Amino acid sequence: VPMGILSCVKYLMFIFNVLVFAGGTCLVGVGVWVAVDPAGFQDIVAAKVVLSAGAYLLLAVGIALALLGFLGCCGALRRSRALLLA
């Protein structure tokens, strides 16, 4: 396999993982926003229990995505199979 193709795949994986990391970070931000100031979202969601659970769900999914994106970025740059499989 030519070296140029491997380099291209490496950087495409890095860019994809940066996007996953950014998406996870955005979800964490929205989750914190909903958890701290739920007043603006009570018009959309009627039950306060659902709003609270949704905020924590956003936080959990966002943290997981940010962690996976970070590990993927490190794995793509270092060509570490273990980090990419994590």
C-alpha atoms as a PDB file:
ATOM      1  CA  VAL A   1       0.000   0.000   0.000  1.00  0.00           C
ATOM      2  CA  PRO A   2       1.500   3.370  -0.981  1.00  0.00           C
ATOM      3  CA  MET A   3       2.567   5.590   1.884  1.00  0.00           C
ATOM      4  CA  GLY A   4       0.475   8.537   0.634  1.00  0.00           C
ATOM      5  CA  ILE A   5      -2.758   6.580   1.037  1.00  0.00           C
ATOM      6  CA  LEU A   6      -1.895   5.591   4.614  1.00  0.00           C
ATOM      7  CA  SER A   7      -1.071   9.191   5.457  1.00  0.00           C
ATOM      8  CA  CYS A   8      -4.367  10.358   3.959  1.00  0.00           C
ATOM      9  CA  VAL A   9      -6.327   7.761   5.953  1.00  0.00           C
ATOM     10  CA  LYS A  10      -4.474   8.764   9.114  1.00  0.00           C
ATOM     11  CA  TYR A  11      -5.439  12.419   8.750  1.00  0.00           C
ATOM     12  CA  LEU A  12      -9.021  11.594   7.744  1.00  0.00           C
ATOM     13  CA  MET A  13      -9.360   9.505  10.904  1.00  0.00           C
ATOM     14  CA  PHE A  14      -7.890  12.370  12.910  1.00  0.00           C
ATOM     15  CA  ILE A  15     -10.361  14.875  11.408  1.00  0.00           C
ATOM     16  CA  PHE A  16     -13.306  12.538  12.012  1.00  0.00           C
ATOM     17  CA  ASN A  17     -12.252  12.039  15.635  1.00  0.00           C
ATOM     18  CA  VAL A  18     -11.844  15.791  16.118  1.00  0.00           C
ATOM     19  CA  LEU A  19     -15.448  16.183  14.930  1.00  0.00           C
ATOM     20  CA  VAL A  20     -16.599  13.478  17.377  1.00  0.00           C
ATOM     21  CA  PHE A  21     -14.673  15.225  20.170  1.00  0.00           C
ATOM     22  CA  ALA A  22     -16.217  18.600  19.261  1.00  0.00           C
ATOM     23  CA  GLY A  23     -19.703  17.079  19.182  1.00  0.00           C
ATOM     24  CA  GLY A  24     -19.168  15.496  22.588  1.00  0.00           C
ATOM     25  CA  THR A  25     -17.910  18.775  23.995  1.00  0.00           C
ATOM     26  CA  CYS A  26     -20.985  20.568  22.636  1.00  0.00           C
ATOM     27  CA  LEU A  27     -23.260  17.961  24.230  1.00  0.00           C
ATOM     28  CA  VAL A  28     -21.482  18.437  27.555  1.00  0.00           C
ATOM     29  CA  GLY A  29     -21.975  22.192  27.246  1.00  0.00           C
ATOM     30  CA  VAL A  30     -25.693  21.848  26.508  1.00  0.00           C
ATOM     31  CA  GLY A  31     -26.068  19.315  29.321  1.00  0.00           C
ATOM     32  CA  VAL A  32     -24.429  21.674  31.810  1.00  0.00           C
ATOM     33  CA  TRP A  33     -26.576  24.536  30.534  1.00  0.00           C
ATOM     34  CA  VAL A  34     -29.785  22.538  30.978  1.00  0.00           C
ATOM     35  CA  ALA A  35     -28.700  21.270  34.415  1.00  0.00           C
ATOM     36  CA  VAL A  36     -27.751  24.737  35.692  1.00  0.00           C
ATOM     37  CA  ASP A  37     -30.550  26.820  34.124  1.00  0.00           C
ATOM     38  CA  PRO A  38     -33.554  24.617  33.309  1.00  0.00           C
ATOM     39  CA  ALA A  39     -36.002  27.568  33.210  1.00  0.00           C
ATOM     40  CA  GLY A  40     -35.505  28.203  29.498  1.00  0.00           C
ATOM     41  CA  PHE A  41     -36.199  24.573  28.619  1.00  0.00           C
ATOM     42  CA  GLN A  42     -39.310  24.053  30.754  1.00  0.00           C
ATOM     43  CA  ASP A  43     -41.504  25.331  27.920  1.00  0.00           C
ATOM     44  CA  ILE A  44     -40.245  22.498  25.695  1.00  0.00           C
ATOM     45  CA  VAL A  45     -40.342  19.711  28.300  1.00  0.00           C
ATOM     46  CA  ALA A  46     -43.344  19.647  30.606  1.00  0.00           C
ATOM     47  CA  ALA A  47     -42.030  17.346  33.336  1.00  0.00           C
ATOM     48  CA  LYS A  48     -39.140  18.554  35.472  1.00  0.00           C
ATOM     49  CA  VAL A  49     -38.017  14.950  36.085  1.00  0.00           C
ATOM     50  CA  VAL A  50     -37.640  14.368  32.342  1.00  0.00           C
ATOM     51  CA  LEU A  51     -35.683  17.604  31.989  1.00  0.00           C
ATOM     52  CA  SER A  52     -33.312  16.661  34.793  1.00  0.00           C
ATOM     53  CA  ALA A  53     -32.808  13.140  33.425  1.00  0.00           C
ATOM     54  CA  GLY A  54     -32.258  14.558  29.940  1.00  0.00           C
ATOM     55  CA  ALA A  55     -29.590  16.924  31.228  1.00  0.00           C
ATOM     56  CA  TYR A  56     -27.684  14.105  32.891  1.00  0.00           C
ATOM     57  CA  LEU A  57     -28.098  11.904  29.824  1.00  0.00           C
ATOM     58  CA  LEU A  58     -26.636  14.683  27.657  1.00  0.00           C
ATOM     59  CA  LEU A  59     -23.726  15.006  30.079  1.00  0.00           C
ATOM     60  CA  ALA A  60     -23.031  11.264  30.089  1.00  0.00           C
ATOM     61  CA  VAL A  61     -23.227  10.866  26.308  1.00  0.00           C
ATOM     62  CA  GLY A  62     -21.183  14.025  25.764  1.00  0.00           C
ATOM     63  CA  ILE A  63     -18.429  12.924  28.122  1.00  0.00           C
ATOM     64  CA  ALA A  64     -18.317   9.482  26.498  1.00  0.00           C
ATOM     65  CA  LEU A  65     -18.117  10.967  22.990  1.00  0.00           C
ATOM     66  CA  ALA A  66     -15.474  13.505  23.985  1.00  0.00           C
ATOM     67  CA  LEU A  67     -13.373  10.768  25.580  1.00  0.00           C
ATOM     68  CA  LEU A  68     -13.727   8.484  22.560  1.00  0.00           C
ATOM     69  CA  GLY A  69     -12.899  11.335  20.199  1.00  0.00           C
ATOM     70  CA  PHE A  70      -9.813  12.262  22.213  1.00  0.00           C
ATOM     71  CA  LEU A  71      -8.578   8.662  22.326  1.00  0.00           C
ATOM     72  CA  GLY A  72      -9.267   8.349  18.602  1.00  0.00           C
ATOM     73  CA  CYS A  73      -7.259  11.496  17.843  1.00  0.00           C
ATOM     74  CA  CYS A  74      -4.333  10.229  19.877  1.00  0.00           C
ATOM     75  CA  GLY A  75      -4.618   6.793  18.274  1.00  0.00           C
ATOM     76  CA  ALA A  76      -4.729   8.209  14.750  1.00  0.00           C
ATOM     77  CA  LEU A  77      -1.697  10.425  15.262  1.00  0.00           C
ATOM     78  CA  ARG A  78       0.363   7.759  17.023  1.00  0.00           C
ATOM     79  CA  ARG A  79      -0.957   4.923  14.849  1.00  0.00           C
ATOM     80  CA  SER A  80      -1.830   3.073  18.021  1.00  0.00           C
ATOM     81  CA  ARG A  81      -4.220   0.203  17.376  1.00  0.00           C
ATOM     82  CA  ALA A  82      -5.076  -0.107  21.081  1.00  0.00           C
ATOM     83  CA  LEU A  83      -6.226   3.522  21.306  1.00  0.00           C
ATOM     84  CA  LEU A  84      -8.242   3.226  18.120  1.00  0.00           C
ATOM     85  CA  LEU A  85      -9.947   0.054  19.327  1.00  0.00           C
ATOM     86  CA  ALA A  86     -10.788   1.665  22.665  1.00  0.00           C
END
